[in-house]
Amino acid sequence: DVAAMAFYALGVKPLIAELSTAVDASACKQMWYADDSTAAGKLDGIKKWWDFLCVRGPEYGYRPKPSKTVLIVKEEYLKEAKKMFKGSGIQVTGEGERHLGAVLGTEEFRRS
């Protein structure tokens, strides 16, 4: 259906607005492309964003999938990130991952 994505975008817009007010923009920025959400920022901001998304998302028809979620951090934050997101089902890496066709991560990972 041609209109399906547009209607989905309208339906998820209130969730995006709620997330914008719930998480300080200086700690975490969110980006959305269709039904893919992404956050970048400080670990505590991303954690708050993720927890809020998991609780409020389903109320808007958005169901985060931890098994398809990857947190990419700098090597010096890897231990802290793994501790902070332990038990969440999120893969935490200091190397990189492909995201919407782009490669994010270390220089070595991007070359591989």
N, C-alpha and C. Protein backbone atom coordinates (compact mmCIF):
# COMPACT_ATOMS: atom_id res chain seq x y z
N ASP A 1 0.84 -1.18 0.00
CA ASP A 1 0.00 0.00 0.00
C ASP A 1 0.88 1.25 0.00
N VAL A 2 0.64 2.12 -0.94
CA VAL A 2 1.44 3.32 -1.13
C VAL A 2 1.37 4.25 0.09
N ALA A 3 0.24 4.34 0.74
CA ALA A 3 0.05 5.27 1.85
C ALA A 3 0.49 4.69 3.20
N ALA A 4 0.81 3.43 3.26
CA ALA A 4 1.11 2.77 4.54
C ALA A 4 2.24 3.46 5.30
N MET A 5 3.34 3.76 4.63
CA MET A 5 4.47 4.38 5.32
C MET A 5 4.12 5.77 5.82
N ALA A 6 3.35 6.51 5.05
CA ALA A 6 2.94 7.85 5.49
C ALA A 6 2.06 7.77 6.73
N PHE A 7 1.14 6.83 6.74
CA PHE A 7 0.28 6.67 7.92
C PHE A 7 1.09 6.20 9.12
N TYR A 8 2.05 5.33 8.89
CA TYR A 8 2.91 4.87 9.98
C TYR A 8 3.67 6.06 10.56
N ALA A 9 4.22 6.90 9.70
CA ALA A 9 4.97 8.07 10.14
C ALA A 9 4.09 8.99 10.99
N LEU A 10 2.85 9.18 10.58
CA LEU A 10 1.92 10.00 11.37
C LEU A 10 1.65 9.36 12.73
N GLY A 11 1.55 8.05 12.75
CA GLY A 11 1.25 7.35 14.00
C GLY A 11 2.40 7.36 14.99
N VAL A 12 3.62 7.35 14.49
CA VAL A 12 4.79 7.29 15.38
C VAL A 12 5.29 8.69 15.77
N LYS A 13 4.83 9.72 15.08
CA LYS A 13 5.26 11.10 15.37
C LYS A 13 5.06 11.50 16.84
N PRO A 14 3.93 11.16 17.47
CA PRO A 14 3.78 11.51 18.89
C PRO A 14 4.83 10.82 19.78
N LEU A 15 5.22 9.61 19.45
CA LEU A 15 6.26 8.92 20.21
C LEU A 15 7.58 9.66 20.08
N ILE A 16 7.91 10.07 18.89
CA ILE A 16 9.15 10.82 18.65
C ILE A 16 9.14 12.12 19.46
N ALA A 17 8.01 12.79 19.48
CA ALA A 17 7.89 14.03 20.25
C ALA A 17 8.04 13.76 21.75
N GLU A 18 7.43 12.68 22.23
CA GLU A 18 7.57 12.32 23.65
C GLU A 18 9.01 12.03 24.00
N LEU A 19 9.69 11.28 23.15
CA LEU A 19 11.10 10.97 23.38
C LEU A 19 11.94 12.25 23.42
N SER A 20 11.59 13.20 22.58
CA SER A 20 12.32 14.47 22.52
C SER A 20 12.22 15.24 23.83
N THR A 21 11.09 15.15 24.49
CA THR A 21 10.93 15.86 25.76
C THR A 21 11.42 15.04 26.95
N ALA A 22 11.42 13.73 26.84
CA ALA A 22 11.83 12.86 27.95
C ALA A 22 13.34 12.78 28.11
N VAL A 23 14.08 12.96 27.03
CA VAL A 23 15.53 12.81 27.05
C VAL A 23 16.18 14.13 26.65
N ASP A 24 17.07 14.61 27.47
CA ASP A 24 17.78 15.86 27.22
C ASP A 24 18.55 15.78 25.90
N ALA A 25 18.30 16.71 25.02
CA ALA A 25 18.93 16.70 23.70
C ALA A 25 20.44 16.84 23.76
N SER A 26 20.97 17.40 24.84
CA SER A 26 22.43 17.51 24.95
C SER A 26 23.06 16.16 25.32
N ALA A 27 22.24 15.22 25.81
CA ALA A 27 22.75 13.89 26.19
C ALA A 27 22.49 12.84 25.11
N CYS A 28 21.48 13.10 24.25
CA CYS A 28 21.12 12.09 23.26
C CYS A 28 20.31 12.71 22.14
N LYS A 29 20.71 12.43 20.92
CA LYS A 29 19.98 12.87 19.73
C LYS A 29 19.36 11.64 19.09
N GLN A 30 18.13 11.77 18.62
CA GLN A 30 17.48 10.64 17.95
C GLN A 30 17.26 10.98 16.48
N MET A 31 17.34 9.93 15.67
CA MET A 31 17.09 10.05 14.24
C MET A 31 16.16 8.91 13.85
N TRP A 32 15.26 9.18 12.93
CA TRP A 32 14.32 8.17 12.48
C TRP A 32 14.33 8.13 10.96
N TYR A 33 14.25 6.92 10.43
CA TYR A 33 14.07 6.71 9.00
C TYR A 33 13.04 5.59 8.89
N ALA A 34 11.86 5.95 8.46
CA ALA A 34 10.74 5.00 8.40
C ALA A 34 10.54 4.39 9.79
N ASP A 35 10.69 3.08 9.91
CA ASP A 35 10.49 2.46 11.22
C ASP A 35 11.81 2.10 11.90
N ASP A 36 12.90 2.71 11.44
CA ASP A 36 14.21 2.51 12.07
C ASP A 36 14.54 3.73 12.93
N SER A 37 14.73 3.50 14.20
CA SER A 37 15.12 4.60 15.09
C SER A 37 16.58 4.43 15.47
N THR A 38 17.24 5.54 15.66
CA THR A 38 18.66 5.56 16.00
C THR A 38 18.89 6.66 17.01
N ALA A 39 19.82 6.43 17.92
CA ALA A 39 20.19 7.46 18.89
C ALA A 39 21.70 7.57 18.95
N ALA A 40 22.18 8.75 19.25
CA ALA A 40 23.61 8.99 19.41
C ALA A 40 23.79 9.97 20.55
N GLY A 41 24.86 9.77 21.30
CA GLY A 41 25.12 10.69 22.40
C GLY A 41 25.87 10.03 23.52
N LYS A 42 25.65 10.53 24.72
CA LYS A 42 26.30 10.00 25.92
C LYS A 42 25.58 8.72 26.34
N LEU A 43 26.32 7.80 26.94
CA LEU A 43 25.75 6.50 27.32
C LEU A 43 24.51 6.63 28.19
N ASP A 44 24.55 7.49 29.19
CA ASP A 44 23.39 7.61 30.07
C ASP A 44 22.18 8.16 29.33
N GLY A 45 22.40 9.05 28.38
CA GLY A 45 21.30 9.58 27.56
C GLY A 45 20.72 8.51 26.64
N ILE A 46 21.59 7.72 26.03
CA ILE A 46 21.13 6.64 25.15
C ILE A 46 20.36 5.59 25.95
N LYS A 47 20.84 5.28 27.15
CA LYS A 47 20.15 4.31 28.01
C LYS A 47 18.76 4.80 28.38
N LYS A 48 18.66 6.05 28.76
CA LYS A 48 17.36 6.64 29.10
C LYS A 48 16.43 6.60 27.89
N TRP A 49 16.96 6.94 26.72
CA TRP A 49 16.19 6.93 25.48
C TRP A 49 15.71 5.51 25.20
N TRP A 50 16.60 4.52 25.29
CA TRP A 50 16.24 3.13 25.00
C TRP A 50 15.16 2.63 25.97
N ASP A 51 15.35 2.89 27.25
CA ASP A 51 14.37 2.43 28.24
C ASP A 51 13.01 3.07 27.99
N PHE A 52 12.98 4.35 27.68
CA PHE A 52 11.73 5.04 27.39
C PHE A 52 11.08 4.48 26.13
N LEU A 53 11.90 4.23 25.12
CA LEU A 53 11.39 3.68 23.86
C LEU A 53 10.77 2.30 24.08
N CYS A 54 11.40 1.48 24.91
CA CYS A 54 10.88 0.13 25.18
C CYS A 54 9.56 0.16 25.95
N VAL A 55 9.40 1.14 26.83
CA VAL A 55 8.17 1.24 27.63
C VAL A 55 7.05 1.90 26.84
N ARG A 56 7.33 3.02 26.22
CA ARG A 56 6.27 3.80 25.54
C ARG A 56 6.05 3.41 24.09
N GLY A 57 7.07 2.88 23.44
CA GLY A 57 6.96 2.51 22.02
C GLY A 57 5.78 1.63 21.69
N PRO A 58 5.58 0.51 22.42
CA PRO A 58 4.46 -0.37 22.09
C PRO A 58 3.09 0.30 22.16
N GLU A 59 2.97 1.33 22.98
CA GLU A 59 1.70 2.06 23.05
C GLU A 59 1.38 2.78 21.74
N TYR A 60 2.42 3.01 20.94
CA TYR A 60 2.26 3.67 19.65
C TYR A 60 2.43 2.69 18.49
N GLY A 61 2.53 1.41 18.80
CA GLY A 61 2.71 0.40 17.76
C GLY A 61 4.15 0.20 17.36
N TYR A 62 5.09 0.79 18.11
CA TYR A 62 6.52 0.64 17.82
C TYR A 62 7.11 -0.33 18.84
N ARG A 63 7.62 -1.44 18.35
CA ARG A 63 8.17 -2.47 19.23
C ARG A 63 9.67 -2.64 18.97
N PRO A 64 10.50 -2.04 19.84
CA PRO A 64 11.94 -2.17 19.67
C PRO A 64 12.37 -3.63 19.73
N LYS A 65 13.33 -3.98 18.90
CA LYS A 65 13.84 -5.35 18.85
C LYS A 65 15.30 -5.35 19.31
N PRO A 66 15.53 -5.67 20.59
CA PRO A 66 16.91 -5.67 21.10
C PRO A 66 17.83 -6.58 20.29
N SER A 67 17.31 -7.69 19.80
CA SER A 67 18.16 -8.63 19.04
C SER A 67 18.64 -8.04 17.72
N LYS A 68 17.99 -6.99 17.23
CA LYS A 68 18.41 -6.33 15.99
C LYS A 68 19.08 -4.98 16.27
N THR A 69 19.38 -4.73 17.55
CA THR A 69 19.93 -3.44 17.96
C THR A 69 21.40 -3.57 18.31
N VAL A 70 22.21 -2.64 17.80
CA VAL A 70 23.64 -2.65 18.06
C VAL A 70 24.04 -1.28 18.62
N LEU A 71 24.75 -1.31 19.73
CA LEU A 71 25.30 -0.09 20.32
C LEU A 71 26.79 -0.05 19.99
N ILE A 72 27.20 0.97 19.25
CA ILE A 72 28.60 1.13 18.86
C ILE A 72 29.20 2.21 19.74
N VAL A 73 30.26 1.87 20.46
CA VAL A 73 30.91 2.82 21.35
C VAL A 73 32.41 2.85 21.10
N LYS A 74 33.02 3.93 21.55
CA LYS A 74 34.48 3.99 21.48
C LYS A 74 35.04 2.97 22.46
N GLU A 75 36.22 2.47 22.14
CA GLU A 75 36.84 1.40 22.93
C GLU A 75 36.91 1.74 24.42
N GLU A 76 37.17 2.99 24.75
CA GLU A 76 37.31 3.37 26.16
C GLU A 76 35.98 3.33 26.93
N TYR A 77 34.86 3.25 26.23
CA TYR A 77 33.54 3.17 26.87
C TYR A 77 32.92 1.77 26.79
N LEU A 78 33.63 0.84 26.19
CA LEU A 78 33.07 -0.49 25.93
C LEU A 78 32.67 -1.22 27.22
N LYS A 79 33.54 -1.24 28.19
CA LYS A 79 33.25 -1.95 29.44
C LYS A 79 32.04 -1.34 30.14
N GLU A 80 32.00 -0.02 30.22
CA GLU A 80 30.87 0.68 30.87
C GLU A 80 29.57 0.42 30.12
N ALA A 81 29.62 0.46 28.79
CA ALA A 81 28.42 0.23 27.97
C ALA A 81 27.89 -1.19 28.15
N LYS A 82 28.80 -2.16 28.16
CA LYS A 82 28.36 -3.55 28.34
C LYS A 82 27.70 -3.74 29.71
N LYS A 83 28.24 -3.09 30.71
CA LYS A 83 27.66 -3.17 32.06
C LYS A 83 26.29 -2.49 32.08
N MET A 84 26.20 -1.32 31.49
CA MET A 84 24.97 -0.54 31.51
C MET A 84 23.83 -1.22 30.75
N PHE A 85 24.15 -1.91 29.66
CA PHE A 85 23.13 -2.53 28.81
C PHE A 85 23.04 -4.04 29.01
N LYS A 86 23.70 -4.56 30.04
CA LYS A 86 23.66 -5.99 30.33
C LYS A 86 22.21 -6.43 30.55
N GLY A 87 21.86 -7.54 29.93
CA GLY A 87 20.51 -8.09 30.08
C GLY A 87 19.47 -7.45 29.17
N SER A 88 19.88 -6.45 28.38
CA SER A 88 18.92 -5.76 27.50
C SER A 88 18.70 -6.50 26.19
N GLY A 89 19.64 -7.38 25.84
CA GLY A 89 19.56 -8.07 24.56
C GLY A 89 20.24 -7.32 23.44
N ILE A 90 20.74 -6.13 23.74
CA ILE A 90 21.43 -5.30 22.75
C ILE A 90 22.87 -5.78 22.61
N GLN A 91 23.35 -5.86 21.38
CA GLN A 91 24.75 -6.18 21.11
C GLN A 91 25.56 -4.90 21.28
N VAL A 92 26.60 -4.94 22.11
CA VAL A 92 27.47 -3.78 22.33
C VAL A 92 28.82 -4.09 21.70
N THR A 93 29.31 -3.18 20.88
CA THR A 93 30.58 -3.39 20.18
C THR A 93 31.41 -2.12 20.17
N GLY A 94 32.70 -2.31 20.12
CA GLY A 94 33.62 -1.19 19.97
C GLY A 94 34.18 -1.13 18.56
N GLU A 95 33.73 -2.03 17.70
CA GLU A 95 34.25 -2.11 16.33
C GLU A 95 33.39 -1.36 15.33
N GLY A 96 32.16 -1.82 15.10
CA GLY A 96 31.30 -1.16 14.13
C GLY A 96 30.19 -2.05 13.64
N GLU A 97 29.40 -1.50 12.73
CA GLU A 97 28.24 -2.21 12.19
C GLU A 97 27.76 -1.45 10.96
N ARG A 98 27.06 -2.16 10.08
CA ARG A 98 26.41 -1.49 8.94
C ARG A 98 25.06 -0.96 9.42
N HIS A 99 24.71 0.23 8.97
CA HIS A 99 23.45 0.84 9.38
C HIS A 99 22.83 1.55 8.18
N LEU A 100 21.69 1.06 7.74
CA LEU A 100 20.98 1.66 6.59
C LEU A 100 21.91 1.87 5.40
N GLY A 101 22.76 0.90 5.16
CA GLY A 101 23.65 0.95 4.00
C GLY A 101 24.98 1.63 4.25
N ALA A 102 25.12 2.30 5.38
CA ALA A 102 26.39 2.97 5.70
C ALA A 102 27.17 2.12 6.70
N VAL A 103 28.46 2.33 6.76
CA VAL A 103 29.30 1.62 7.72
C VAL A 103 29.69 2.60 8.82
N LEU A 104 29.39 2.22 10.07
CA LEU A 104 29.73 3.05 11.22
C LEU A 104 30.72 2.28 12.08
N GLY A 105 31.73 2.98 12.60
CA GLY A 105 32.66 2.31 13.48
C GLY A 105 34.09 2.76 13.29
N THR A 106 34.98 1.90 13.74
CA THR A 106 36.40 2.23 13.66
C THR A 106 36.87 2.28 12.21
N GLU A 107 37.99 2.93 12.02
CA GLU A 107 38.57 3.02 10.68
C GLU A 107 38.85 1.61 10.13
N GLU A 108 39.37 0.73 11.00
CA GLU A 108 39.66 -0.64 10.59
C GLU A 108 38.40 -1.37 10.17
N PHE A 109 37.33 -1.19 10.93
CA PHE A 109 36.06 -1.86 10.59
C PHE A 109 35.52 -1.33 9.25
N ARG A 110 35.61 -0.02 9.05
CA ARG A 110 35.09 0.56 7.81
C ARG A 110 35.86 0.08 6.59
N ARG A 111 37.14 -0.23 6.73
CA ARG A 111 37.95 -0.73 5.62
C ARG A 111 37.66 -2.18 5.31
N SER A 112 37.18 -2.94 6.28
CA SER A 112 36.97 -4.38 6.07
C SER A 112 35.72 -4.68 5.26
